[in-house]
Amino acid sequence: MKSLMIVYNQAHNALVQGALDKCDVRGFTKWNDVEGRGTKDGEPHYGTHAWPSKNMATLAVVEDSKLQELLAELKKINDSAQKQGLRAFVWEAESVI
């Protein structure tokens, strides 16, 4: 099992949810109104007058067999609007209850 943290512009919310559904990833936790700034050249997402957009974050524990398909779906979302931003981080989920 892998932990997958997806951080994305709020405009991608329905697309990220659709990717989770398409890949049959049912369980997740989502945070709204996440502020941040990308590592490359994207605009900050601070929820202010100058930088009004915000991010969201979703954490899911994903079976190894579903991970690559889900990452491919997320890459499609990011490639369609790179300035809005989407990042996915994967690490081991050593224990799940």
C-alpha atoms as a PDB file:
ATOM      1  CA  MET A   1       0.000   0.000   0.000  1.00  0.00           C
ATOM      2  CA  LYS A   2       1.110   3.533  -0.763  1.00  0.00           C
ATOM      3  CA  SER A   3       0.120   6.886   0.706  1.00  0.00           C
ATOM      4  CA  LEU A   4      -0.634   9.418  -2.016  1.00  0.00           C
ATOM      5  CA  MET A   5      -0.851  13.134  -1.213  1.00  0.00           C
ATOM      6  CA  ILE A   6      -2.316  15.160  -4.072  1.00  0.00           C
ATOM      7  CA  VAL A   7      -2.072  18.963  -3.821  1.00  0.00           C
ATOM      8  CA  TYR A   8      -3.901  20.879  -6.537  1.00  0.00           C
ATOM      9  CA  ASN A   9      -5.594  24.110  -7.539  1.00  0.00           C
ATOM     10  CA  GLN A  10      -9.228  24.141  -6.407  1.00  0.00           C
ATOM     11  CA  ALA A  11     -10.254  24.362 -10.074  1.00  0.00           C
ATOM     12  CA  HIS A  12      -9.123  20.721 -10.452  1.00  0.00           C
ATOM     13  CA  ASN A  13     -11.390  19.407  -7.672  1.00  0.00           C
ATOM     14  CA  ALA A  14     -13.931  17.605  -9.873  1.00  0.00           C
ATOM     15  CA  LEU A  15     -11.185  16.213 -12.114  1.00  0.00           C
ATOM     16  CA  VAL A  16      -9.211  14.810  -9.164  1.00  0.00           C
ATOM     17  CA  GLN A  17     -12.382  13.275  -7.741  1.00  0.00           C
ATOM     18  CA  GLY A  18     -13.094  11.779 -11.162  1.00  0.00           C
ATOM     19  CA  ALA A  19      -9.599  10.266 -11.319  1.00  0.00           C
ATOM     20  CA  LEU A  20     -10.073   8.658  -7.897  1.00  0.00           C
ATOM     21  CA  ASP A  21     -13.429   7.262  -8.999  1.00  0.00           C
ATOM     22  CA  LYS A  22     -12.083   6.005 -12.349  1.00  0.00           C
ATOM     23  CA  CYS A  23      -9.266   4.159 -10.587  1.00  0.00           C
ATOM     24  CA  ASP A  24     -11.631   2.744  -7.953  1.00  0.00           C
ATOM     25  CA  VAL A  25      -9.915   4.515  -5.045  1.00  0.00           C
ATOM     26  CA  ARG A  26     -12.737   4.898  -2.564  1.00  0.00           C
ATOM     27  CA  GLY A  27     -11.186   6.086   0.701  1.00  0.00           C
ATOM     28  CA  PHE A  28      -9.563   9.503   1.015  1.00  0.00           C
ATOM     29  CA  THR A  29      -9.323  12.583   3.203  1.00  0.00           C
ATOM     30  CA  LYS A  30      -9.607  16.040   1.630  1.00  0.00           C
ATOM     31  CA  TRP A  31      -8.556  19.458   2.907  1.00  0.00           C
ATOM     32  CA  ASN A  32     -10.057  22.644   1.452  1.00  0.00           C
ATOM     33  CA  ASP A  33      -8.445  26.090   1.403  1.00  0.00           C
ATOM     34  CA  VAL A  34      -4.832  24.961   1.395  1.00  0.00           C
ATOM     35  CA  GLU A  35      -2.383  27.764   0.706  1.00  0.00           C
ATOM     36  CA  GLY A  36       0.918  27.340  -1.074  1.00  0.00           C
ATOM     37  CA  ARG A  37       3.310  28.163  -3.846  1.00  0.00           C
ATOM     38  CA  GLY A  38       4.654  25.751  -6.442  1.00  0.00           C
ATOM     39  CA  THR A  39       8.265  24.704  -6.815  1.00  0.00           C
ATOM     40  CA  LYS A  40       8.615  25.844 -10.410  1.00  0.00           C
ATOM     41  CA  ASP A  41       6.918  28.853 -12.010  1.00  0.00           C
ATOM     42  CA  GLY A  42       3.261  28.626 -10.996  1.00  0.00           C
ATOM     43  CA  GLU A  43       1.491  31.480  -9.249  1.00  0.00           C
ATOM     44  CA  PRO A  44       1.030  31.426  -5.466  1.00  0.00           C
ATOM     45  CA  HIS A  45      -2.336  30.277  -4.122  1.00  0.00           C
ATOM     46  CA  TYR A  46      -2.903  32.366  -0.995  1.00  0.00           C
ATOM     47  CA  GLY A  47      -6.586  33.297  -1.098  1.00  0.00           C
ATOM     48  CA  THR A  48      -5.703  37.024  -1.022  1.00  0.00           C
ATOM     49  CA  HIS A  49      -6.694  39.915  -3.274  1.00  0.00           C
ATOM     50  CA  ALA A  50      -3.351  39.698  -5.067  1.00  0.00           C
ATOM     51  CA  TRP A  51      -3.315  35.878  -5.276  1.00  0.00           C
ATOM     52  CA  PRO A  52      -6.971  34.828  -4.964  1.00  0.00           C
ATOM     53  CA  SER A  53      -6.907  31.138  -5.837  1.00  0.00           C
ATOM     54  CA  LYS A  54      -6.377  28.399  -3.282  1.00  0.00           C
ATOM     55  CA  ASN A  55      -5.302  24.805  -3.324  1.00  0.00           C
ATOM     56  CA  MET A  56      -6.915  21.673  -2.022  1.00  0.00           C
ATOM     57  CA  ALA A  57      -5.188  18.517  -0.816  1.00  0.00           C
ATOM     58  CA  THR A  58      -6.328  14.907  -0.862  1.00  0.00           C
ATOM     59  CA  LEU A  59      -4.665  12.026   0.958  1.00  0.00           C
ATOM     60  CA  ALA A  60      -5.480   8.478  -0.097  1.00  0.00           C
ATOM     61  CA  VAL A  61      -4.010   5.104   0.742  1.00  0.00           C
ATOM     62  CA  VAL A  62      -3.819   3.271  -2.562  1.00  0.00           C
ATOM     63  CA  GLU A  63      -3.202  -0.370  -3.435  1.00  0.00           C
ATOM     64  CA  ASP A  64       0.058  -0.806  -5.321  1.00  0.00           C
ATOM     65  CA  SER A  65      -1.828  -2.248  -8.300  1.00  0.00           C
ATOM     66  CA  LYS A  66      -3.837   0.981  -8.744  1.00  0.00           C
ATOM     67  CA  LEU A  67      -1.082   3.524  -8.163  1.00  0.00           C
ATOM     68  CA  GLN A  68       0.408   3.854 -11.656  1.00  0.00           C
ATOM     69  CA  GLU A  69      -3.000   4.202 -13.315  1.00  0.00           C
ATOM     70  CA  LEU A  70      -3.997   6.907 -10.847  1.00  0.00           C
ATOM     71  CA  LEU A  71      -0.710   8.773 -11.268  1.00  0.00           C
ATOM     72  CA  ALA A  72      -1.218   8.683 -15.052  1.00  0.00           C
ATOM     73  CA  GLU A  73      -4.713  10.177 -14.655  1.00  0.00           C
ATOM     74  CA  LEU A  74      -3.357  12.913 -12.376  1.00  0.00           C
ATOM     75  CA  LYS A  75      -0.590  13.687 -14.869  1.00  0.00           C
ATOM     76  CA  LYS A  76      -3.225  14.197 -17.584  1.00  0.00           C
ATOM     77  CA  ILE A  77      -5.002  16.704 -15.330  1.00  0.00           C
ATOM     78  CA  ASN A  78      -1.775  18.585 -14.639  1.00  0.00           C
ATOM     79  CA  ASP A  79      -0.730  18.559 -18.296  1.00  0.00           C
ATOM     80  CA  SER A  80      -4.062  20.102 -19.301  1.00  0.00           C
ATOM     81  CA  ALA A  81      -3.469  23.225 -17.169  1.00  0.00           C
ATOM     82  CA  GLN A  82       0.059  23.342 -15.782  1.00  0.00           C
ATOM     83  CA  LYS A  83      -0.179  26.938 -14.515  1.00  0.00           C
ATOM     84  CA  GLN A  84      -2.984  25.930 -12.153  1.00  0.00           C
ATOM     85  CA  GLY A  85      -0.780  23.262 -10.644  1.00  0.00           C
ATOM     86  CA  LEU A  86      -1.096  19.717  -9.382  1.00  0.00           C
ATOM     87  CA  ARG A  87       1.513  17.701  -7.514  1.00  0.00           C
ATOM     88  CA  ALA A  88       1.332  14.137  -6.230  1.00  0.00           C
ATOM     89  CA  PHE A  89       3.664  12.694  -3.591  1.00  0.00           C
ATOM     90  CA  VAL A  90       3.943   8.973  -2.830  1.00  0.00           C
ATOM     91  CA  TRP A  91       5.349   7.218   0.213  1.00  0.00           C
ATOM     92  CA  GLU A  92       4.961   3.843   1.930  1.00  0.00           C
ATOM     93  CA  ALA A  93       1.881   3.179   4.047  1.00  0.00           C
ATOM     94  CA  GLU A  94       3.440   0.727   6.464  1.00  0.00           C
ATOM     95  CA  SER A  95       0.413   0.092   8.670  1.00  0.00           C
ATOM     96  CA  VAL A  96      -3.275   0.463   7.891  1.00  0.00           C
ATOM     97  CA  ILE A  97      -6.093  -0.319  10.324  1.00  0.00           C
END
